[in-house]
């Protein structure tokens, strides 16, 4: 099992972001941490202190919190859950939010992996993205993390941006190559409804992203990362040897996880459920929460969580389809034996015609007991995934 801890605070909200995050609510931080600790402890009680192999502090901007709050949250996690030996504990951080002292506190609290939101190494693009750091600031932040003792650091980048030229992307890839981080995530911009950036594009204030140019940028990144020896283990993620994101692999393998905090999602066998989104409502409800026993079935346990707003039943057909979709994002693909053990039959028993058609189109291949996307299949991933629903 994995644990996701949501931190909804940001100093400023980026114009492309549609996550459940908020600026200018810093006054809620002390009461929020108390509420978060209460939910963490409640889950530990309800699930009888389950073992977790990964923890991910995301947001929002966890590094925007005082380091002492991270220590408080991690102490609660360690009390409520049994952390597997060598558990991966990731924290998202923005350049400029931390210094050497805070990094030492993160390490002492049990955080052993940082995911730094760089997005670009171009100052002009960073300004257009509403980021608060400079390119040099991002470089300095990465080096500071390494010097502090973090051996596992990931850098997040974005491509397919308005105004972004191929030359700017190549320059960002050059800067990335010079740092040679253990892990890199690169995501194409998606214009999410209701965000300022979507409104700017619709009104003509900002040029619309070019999907063909974005595809070229993705191919350029693939070539560069392959030349540097990275493993392209997931459609948008590259890693050095043994540096894959174990937490995100939980999602891609459709395995159980608990999410705590407002808007957090969770998945337990047969059920997906979502916490309410409002930080203020979340705080109010958790302050009134009492302890519960764990003697109940899965759905009854979920229903005892006062901040769970929606519970979705996951039947076998949907679980299989999601397992296919998520697993095919990975370079290892779907292991037929594992699928058979989980669902009582191989993928071909449920999706035979679809698999044959995808293979005939050159989008899917079968080898070594696994189903994998071809290079062309990765470029057309969304079209492939839709065939299983």
Protein backbone atom coordinates (compact mmCIF):
# COMPACT_ATOMS: atom_id res chain seq x y z
CA UNK A 1 0.00 0.00 0.00
CA UNK A 2 1.05 3.59 -0.63
CA UNK A 3 0.13 6.83 1.13
CA UNK A 4 -0.44 10.22 -0.50
CA UNK A 5 -0.46 13.33 1.74
CA UNK A 6 -1.99 16.45 0.20
CA UNK A 7 -0.73 19.93 1.05
CA UNK A 8 -3.07 22.51 -0.58
CA UNK A 9 -0.96 25.63 0.05
CA UNK A 10 0.84 27.67 -2.62
CA UNK A 11 2.37 31.13 -2.36
CA UNK A 12 0.89 31.84 -5.80
CA UNK A 13 -1.19 29.58 -8.03
CA UNK A 14 0.24 28.97 -11.50
CA UNK A 15 -2.10 29.97 -14.36
CA UNK A 16 -2.11 26.48 -15.91
CA UNK A 17 -2.85 24.60 -12.66
CA UNK A 18 -6.24 23.04 -11.91
CA UNK A 19 -5.15 21.04 -8.87
CA UNK A 20 -6.93 21.47 -5.54
CA UNK A 21 -4.53 24.15 -4.33
CA UNK A 22 -4.94 27.64 -2.92
CA UNK A 23 -2.94 30.83 -2.47
CA UNK A 24 -3.31 33.31 0.38
CA UNK A 25 -4.72 30.88 2.95
CA UNK A 26 -1.54 30.68 5.03
CA UNK A 27 -3.53 31.50 8.18
CA UNK A 28 -5.04 28.00 7.95
CA UNK A 29 -1.69 26.21 8.12
CA UNK A 30 -1.60 25.47 11.89
CA UNK A 31 -5.17 24.16 12.06
CA UNK A 32 -4.70 22.30 8.77
CA UNK A 33 -1.71 20.37 10.07
CA UNK A 34 -3.73 19.32 13.14
CA UNK A 35 -6.59 18.14 10.91
CA UNK A 36 -4.21 16.28 8.61
CA UNK A 37 -2.58 14.51 11.55
CA UNK A 38 -6.05 13.54 12.80
CA UNK A 39 -6.96 11.95 9.46
CA UNK A 40 -3.63 10.12 9.26
CA UNK A 41 -4.14 8.68 12.74
CA UNK A 42 -7.73 7.72 11.97
CA UNK A 43 -6.70 5.76 8.89
CA UNK A 44 -4.03 4.01 10.94
CA UNK A 45 -6.69 2.94 13.45
CA UNK A 46 -9.26 1.86 10.86
CA UNK A 47 -6.76 -0.18 8.86
CA UNK A 48 -4.94 -1.56 11.93
CA UNK A 49 -1.61 0.16 11.22
CA UNK A 50 -1.06 -1.15 7.68
CA UNK A 51 2.36 -1.42 6.07
CA UNK A 52 3.15 1.20 3.44
CA UNK A 53 6.10 1.06 1.06
CA UNK A 54 5.87 4.61 -0.30
CA UNK A 55 4.75 8.00 0.99
CA UNK A 56 4.27 11.04 -1.25
CA UNK A 57 3.80 14.57 0.08
CA UNK A 58 2.29 16.51 -2.82
CA UNK A 59 0.20 19.54 -3.48
CA UNK A 60 0.18 22.32 -3.70
CA UNK A 61 3.63 23.02 -2.41
CA UNK A 62 4.73 21.02 0.65
CA UNK A 63 8.02 22.95 0.73
CA UNK A 64 6.00 26.14 1.34
CA UNK A 65 5.16 24.80 4.81
CA UNK A 66 7.53 25.42 7.74
CA UNK A 67 9.92 22.48 8.03
CA UNK A 68 8.54 21.82 11.51
CA UNK A 69 5.15 21.03 9.95
CA UNK A 70 6.77 18.42 7.71
CA UNK A 71 8.34 16.90 10.83
CA UNK A 72 4.92 16.81 12.54
CA UNK A 73 3.24 15.15 9.56
CA UNK A 74 5.99 12.57 9.11
CA UNK A 75 5.92 11.74 12.82
CA UNK A 76 2.17 11.09 12.55
CA UNK A 77 2.71 8.89 9.48
CA UNK A 78 5.36 6.84 11.28
CA UNK A 79 3.08 6.40 14.30
CA UNK A 80 -0.05 5.47 12.33
CA UNK A 81 1.48 3.28 9.62
CA UNK A 82 4.16 0.63 9.51
CA UNK A 83 6.77 2.03 7.13
CA UNK A 84 8.48 -0.74 5.21
CA UNK A 85 12.25 -0.85 5.62
CA UNK A 86 13.71 1.35 2.88
CA UNK A 87 10.33 2.98 2.16
CA UNK A 88 10.43 5.71 -0.49
CA UNK A 89 9.29 9.03 1.00
CA UNK A 90 8.92 11.78 -1.62
CA UNK A 91 8.20 15.46 -1.10
CA UNK A 92 7.37 17.96 -3.83
CA UNK A 93 9.35 21.18 -3.59
CA UNK A 94 9.71 24.42 -5.49
CA UNK A 95 13.06 26.17 -6.03
CA UNK A 96 13.39 29.06 -3.62
CA UNK A 97 11.21 27.49 -0.92
CA UNK A 98 14.03 25.69 0.85
CA UNK A 99 17.56 26.24 2.06
CA UNK A 100 20.24 23.90 3.38
CA UNK A 101 18.76 24.01 6.88
CA UNK A 102 15.26 23.00 5.75
CA UNK A 103 16.71 20.21 3.61
CA UNK A 104 18.49 18.76 6.64
CA UNK A 105 15.20 18.87 8.56
CA UNK A 106 13.41 17.05 5.72
CA UNK A 107 16.02 14.30 5.77
CA UNK A 108 15.86 13.99 9.56
CA UNK A 109 12.06 13.72 9.35
CA UNK A 110 12.34 10.73 7.01
CA UNK A 111 11.96 12.35 3.58
CA UNK A 112 14.45 10.66 1.25
CA UNK A 113 13.34 11.80 -2.20
CA UNK A 114 12.64 15.28 -3.59
CA UNK A 115 10.60 16.12 -6.68
CA UNK A 116 11.55 19.65 -7.73
CA UNK A 117 9.07 21.59 -9.88
CA UNK A 118 11.44 23.27 -12.33
CA UNK A 119 9.15 23.23 -15.44
CA UNK A 120 11.68 25.10 -17.61
CA UNK A 121 15.26 26.37 -17.63
CA UNK A 122 14.23 29.42 -19.66
CA UNK A 123 13.64 32.63 -17.70
CA UNK A 124 11.19 34.09 -20.21
CA UNK A 125 9.01 30.97 -20.17
CA UNK A 126 9.19 30.71 -16.39
CA UNK A 127 7.79 34.22 -16.14
CA UNK A 128 4.96 33.40 -18.56
CA UNK A 129 4.19 30.27 -16.53
CA UNK A 130 3.87 32.34 -13.37
CA UNK A 131 6.78 30.58 -11.71
CA UNK A 132 8.59 32.43 -8.93
CA UNK A 133 12.09 31.07 -9.57
CA UNK A 134 14.68 31.71 -12.26
CA UNK A 135 16.55 29.14 -14.33
CA UNK A 136 19.67 29.67 -12.23
CA UNK A 137 17.58 29.43 -9.08
CA UNK A 138 16.36 26.00 -10.20
CA UNK A 139 19.91 24.84 -10.90
CA UNK A 140 21.06 26.11 -7.50
CA UNK A 141 18.13 24.40 -5.76
CA UNK A 142 18.94 21.05 -7.35
CA UNK A 143 22.61 21.27 -6.41
CA UNK A 144 21.70 22.35 -2.88
CA UNK A 145 19.53 19.23 -2.49
CA UNK A 146 22.34 16.97 -3.68
CA UNK A 147 24.86 18.69 -1.39
CA UNK A 148 22.47 18.30 1.57
CA UNK A 149 22.50 14.54 1.13
CA UNK A 150 19.51 13.74 -1.10
CA UNK A 151 20.57 10.91 -3.41
CA UNK A 152 17.20 10.62 -5.13
CA UNK A 153 16.02 13.88 -6.73
CA UNK A 154 13.56 14.23 -9.59
CA UNK A 155 13.14 17.24 -11.87
CA UNK A 156 9.76 18.09 -13.42
CA UNK A 157 9.65 19.80 -16.82
CA UNK A 158 6.85 20.94 -19.15
CA UNK A 159 6.74 21.16 -22.94
CA UNK A 160 4.20 22.10 -25.59
CA UNK A 161 3.83 25.53 -23.97
CA UNK A 162 2.54 28.71 -25.61
CA UNK A 163 5.51 30.76 -26.89
CA UNK A 164 7.90 27.79 -26.40
CA UNK A 165 10.26 27.36 -29.37
CA UNK A 166 12.24 24.23 -30.29
CA UNK A 167 15.40 26.18 -29.47
CA UNK A 168 14.14 26.95 -25.96
CA UNK A 169 13.29 23.29 -25.44
CA UNK A 170 16.73 22.19 -26.63
CA UNK A 171 18.30 24.71 -24.25
CA UNK A 172 16.26 23.30 -21.37
CA UNK A 173 17.35 19.77 -22.31
CA UNK A 174 20.96 21.00 -22.36
CA UNK A 175 20.62 22.37 -18.83
CA UNK A 176 19.00 19.12 -17.73
CA UNK A 177 21.84 17.11 -19.25
CA UNK A 178 24.39 19.15 -17.33
CA UNK A 179 22.65 18.32 -14.05
CA UNK A 180 22.05 14.65 -14.93
CA UNK A 181 19.42 14.07 -12.20
CA UNK A 182 18.46 10.53 -11.14
CA UNK A 183 14.87 10.97 -12.35
CA UNK A 184 13.02 13.26 -14.78
CA UNK A 185 9.31 13.78 -15.47
CA UNK A 186 8.28 15.66 -18.62
CA UNK A 187 4.63 16.51 -19.15
CA UNK A 188 2.96 18.16 -22.12
CA UNK A 189 0.82 21.14 -21.18
CA UNK A 190 -2.90 20.42 -21.03
CA UNK A 191 -5.16 23.46 -21.09
CA UNK A 192 -7.53 22.65 -18.25
CA UNK A 193 -10.98 24.21 -18.20
CA UNK A 194 -11.41 27.17 -15.89
CA UNK A 195 -7.71 28.00 -15.57
CA UNK A 196 -6.41 31.49 -16.39
CA UNK A 197 -4.22 30.09 -19.15
CA UNK A 198 -7.19 28.45 -20.86
CA UNK A 199 -9.05 31.78 -20.75
CA UNK A 200 -6.03 33.62 -22.17
CA UNK A 201 -5.79 31.20 -25.08
CA UNK A 202 -9.53 31.32 -25.78
CA UNK A 203 -9.54 35.13 -25.73
CA UNK A 204 -6.51 35.39 -28.00
CA UNK A 205 -4.26 36.89 -25.32
CA UNK A 206 -1.97 33.89 -25.60
CA UNK A 207 -1.23 31.67 -28.63
CA UNK A 208 -2.71 28.20 -28.68
CA UNK A 209 -0.18 25.40 -28.08
CA UNK A 210 0.89 23.57 -31.25
CA UNK A 211 0.35 19.78 -30.85
CA UNK A 212 2.70 18.97 -33.74
CA UNK A 213 5.46 21.04 -32.16
CA UNK A 214 4.78 19.34 -28.82
CA UNK A 215 5.16 15.93 -30.48
CA UNK A 216 8.51 17.01 -31.93
CA UNK A 217 9.63 18.17 -28.48
CA UNK A 218 8.66 14.80 -27.01
CA UNK A 219 10.66 12.97 -29.66
CA UNK A 220 13.65 15.24 -29.05
CA UNK A 221 13.44 14.46 -25.33
CA UNK A 222 13.24 10.73 -26.03
CA UNK A 223 16.38 10.83 -28.15
CA UNK A 224 18.30 12.96 -25.66
CA UNK A 225 17.36 10.87 -22.64
CA UNK A 226 18.15 7.61 -24.41
CA UNK A 227 21.58 8.92 -25.39
CA UNK A 228 22.23 9.78 -21.75
CA UNK A 229 21.41 6.27 -20.60
CA UNK A 230 18.06 6.92 -18.93
CA UNK A 231 15.39 4.22 -18.87
CA UNK A 232 12.14 5.49 -20.39
CA UNK A 233 10.10 3.43 -17.96
CA UNK A 234 6.79 5.30 -18.32
CA UNK A 235 5.38 7.49 -21.09
CA UNK A 236 6.31 10.74 -19.32
CA UNK A 237 9.07 9.53 -16.99
CA UNK A 238 12.75 8.65 -17.24
CA UNK A 239 15.03 7.20 -14.57
CA UNK A 240 18.56 6.15 -13.88
CA UNK A 241 19.20 2.59 -12.74
CA UNK A 242 16.92 1.77 -9.80
CA UNK A 243 15.62 5.34 -9.54
CA UNK A 244 12.07 4.84 -10.80
CA UNK A 245 9.31 6.52 -8.76
CA UNK A 246 8.07 3.62 -6.67
CA UNK A 247 5.09 5.66 -5.49
CA UNK A 248 3.88 6.44 -9.00
CA UNK A 249 4.39 2.80 -9.95
CA UNK A 250 1.67 2.04 -7.39
CA UNK A 251 -0.74 4.13 -9.48
CA UNK A 252 0.40 2.74 -12.82
CA UNK A 253 0.09 -0.83 -11.57
CA UNK A 254 -3.42 -0.08 -10.24
CA UNK A 255 -2.47 -1.05 -6.69
CA UNK A 256 -4.05 0.17 -3.41
CA UNK A 257 -3.26 3.58 -1.93
CA UNK A 258 -4.72 5.94 0.65
CA UNK A 259 -4.87 9.70 0.08
CA UNK A 260 -5.24 12.13 2.98
CA UNK A 261 -6.08 15.83 2.86
CA UNK A 262 -8.78 17.80 0.99
CA UNK A 263 -9.48 16.53 -2.51
CA UNK A 264 -7.23 13.48 -2.06
CA UNK A 265 -8.16 10.32 -3.95
CA UNK A 266 -7.83 6.77 -2.62
CA UNK A 267 -8.16 3.27 -4.03
CA UNK A 268 -8.80 0.08 -2.09
CA UNK A 269 -9.82 -3.17 -3.83
CA UNK A 270 -13.29 -2.63 -5.26
CA UNK A 271 -13.59 1.05 -4.33
CA UNK A 272 -12.27 4.44 -5.35
CA UNK A 273 -13.13 7.37 -3.11
CA UNK A 274 -12.52 11.09 -2.83
CA UNK A 275 -12.20 13.53 0.05
CA UNK A 276 -14.12 16.80 0.02
CA UNK A 277 -12.15 19.64 -1.56
CA UNK A 278 -12.53 22.65 0.74
CA UNK A 279 -9.60 23.03 3.19
CA UNK A 280 -11.84 24.97 5.60
CA UNK A 281 -14.58 22.32 5.58
CA UNK A 282 -11.93 19.63 5.92
CA UNK A 283 -10.48 21.32 9.01
CA UNK A 284 -13.90 21.82 10.61
CA UNK A 285 -14.94 18.20 10.10
CA UNK A 286 -11.67 16.65 11.26
CA UNK A 287 -11.69 18.79 14.42
CA UNK A 288 -14.96 17.11 15.39
CA UNK A 289 -13.82 13.59 14.54
CA UNK A 290 -13.73 10.81 17.11
CA UNK A 291 -11.81 7.55 16.95
CA UNK A 292 -13.34 4.46 15.36
CA UNK A 293 -12.64 0.76 15.62
CA UNK A 294 -11.34 -1.15 12.60
CA UNK A 295 -13.75 -4.09 12.86
CA UNK A 296 -15.64 -3.57 9.60
CA UNK A 297 -15.53 -4.38 5.90
CA UNK A 298 -13.74 -2.17 3.39
CA UNK A 299 -16.76 -0.07 2.41
CA UNK A 300 -17.85 0.30 6.03
CA UNK A 301 -14.35 1.51 6.94
CA UNK A 302 -14.42 4.09 4.13
CA UNK A 303 -17.86 5.27 5.23
CA UNK A 304 -16.47 5.94 8.71
CA UNK A 305 -14.10 8.55 7.29
CA UNK A 306 -15.93 11.87 7.81
CA UNK A 307 -14.12 13.74 5.02
CA UNK A 308 -14.79 11.14 2.30
CA UNK A 309 -17.30 12.82 -0.01
CA UNK A 310 -17.71 10.27 -2.82
CA UNK A 311 -17.33 6.49 -3.00
CA UNK A 312 -17.19 4.82 -6.40
CA UNK A 313 -17.70 1.06 -6.68
CA UNK A 314 -15.13 -0.49 -9.02
CA UNK A 315 -16.44 -3.64 -10.71
CA UNK A 316 -14.23 -6.24 -12.38
CA UNK A 317 -14.66 -4.83 -15.90
CA UNK A 318 -13.57 -1.34 -14.86
CA UNK A 319 -10.69 -2.62 -12.74
CA UNK A 320 -9.42 -4.68 -15.68
CA UNK A 321 -9.71 -1.75 -18.10
CA UNK A 322 -7.87 0.58 -15.73
CA UNK A 323 -5.18 -2.04 -15.14
CA UNK A 324 -4.65 -2.29 -18.91
CA UNK A 325 -4.57 1.49 -19.35
CA UNK A 326 -2.16 2.17 -16.50
CA UNK A 327 0.06 -0.84 -17.10
CA UNK A 328 0.56 -0.06 -20.78
CA UNK A 329 2.02 3.32 -19.78
CA UNK A 330 5.04 1.42 -18.44
CA UNK A 331 7.92 0.11 -20.53
CA UNK A 332 7.46 -3.26 -18.79
CA UNK A 333 3.82 -3.28 -19.89
CA UNK A 334 1.26 -5.84 -18.67
CA UNK A 335 2.61 -9.13 -17.32
CA UNK A 336 0.14 -11.72 -18.62
CA UNK A 337 0.79 -14.04 -15.67
CA UNK A 338 0.05 -11.31 -13.10
CA UNK A 339 -3.09 -10.24 -14.96
CA UNK A 340 -4.26 -13.87 -15.09
CA UNK A 341 -3.74 -14.32 -11.34
CA UNK A 342 -5.58 -11.10 -10.54
CA UNK A 343 -8.56 -11.52 -12.87
CA UNK A 344 -8.86 -15.24 -13.53
CA UNK A 345 -7.83 -15.10 -17.17
CA UNK A 346 -5.25 -13.55 -19.51
CA UNK A 347 -5.88 -10.22 -21.27
CA UNK A 348 -6.65 -12.11 -24.49
CA UNK A 349 -9.64 -13.76 -22.81
CA UNK A 350 -11.26 -10.35 -22.28
CA UNK A 351 -9.81 -8.16 -25.03
CA UNK A 352 -8.82 -10.64 -27.75
CA UNK A 353 -10.17 -8.74 -30.78
CA UNK A 354 -8.95 -5.40 -29.47
CA UNK A 355 -5.44 -6.74 -28.82
CA UNK A 356 -5.28 -8.32 -32.28
CA UNK A 357 -6.36 -5.08 -33.93
CA UNK A 358 -3.87 -2.96 -31.97
CA UNK A 359 -1.10 -5.40 -32.87
CA UNK A 360 -2.06 -5.32 -36.56
CA UNK A 361 -1.85 -1.51 -36.46
CA UNK A 362 1.66 -1.68 -35.04
CA UNK A 363 0.63 -0.15 -31.71
CA UNK A 364 1.01 -3.18 -29.44
CA UNK A 365 3.42 -6.08 -29.19
CA UNK A 366 3.61 -9.28 -27.16
CA UNK A 367 6.96 -10.62 -26.01
CA UNK A 368 8.46 -12.40 -23.00
CA UNK A 369 5.04 -12.94 -21.47
CA UNK A 370 4.19 -9.22 -21.54
CA UNK A 371 2.01 -6.87 -23.57
CA UNK A 372 3.73 -3.59 -24.39
CA UNK A 373 3.12 -0.52 -26.48
CA UNK A 374 5.37 -0.08 -29.49
CA UNK A 375 7.17 3.21 -30.05
CA UNK A 376 4.25 4.26 -32.28
CA UNK A 377 1.81 3.06 -29.64
CA UNK A 378 3.37 5.34 -27.04
CA UNK A 379 2.90 8.30 -29.35
CA UNK A 380 -0.79 7.37 -29.66
CA UNK A 381 -1.29 6.25 -26.07
CA UNK A 382 -4.62 7.94 -25.40
CA UNK A 383 -6.17 6.41 -28.52
CA UNK A 384 -4.91 2.97 -27.46
CA UNK A 385 -6.14 3.30 -23.87
CA UNK A 386 -9.64 4.33 -24.95
CA UNK A 387 -10.10 0.94 -26.66
CA UNK A 388 -10.36 -0.84 -23.30
CA UNK A 389 -13.33 1.19 -22.05
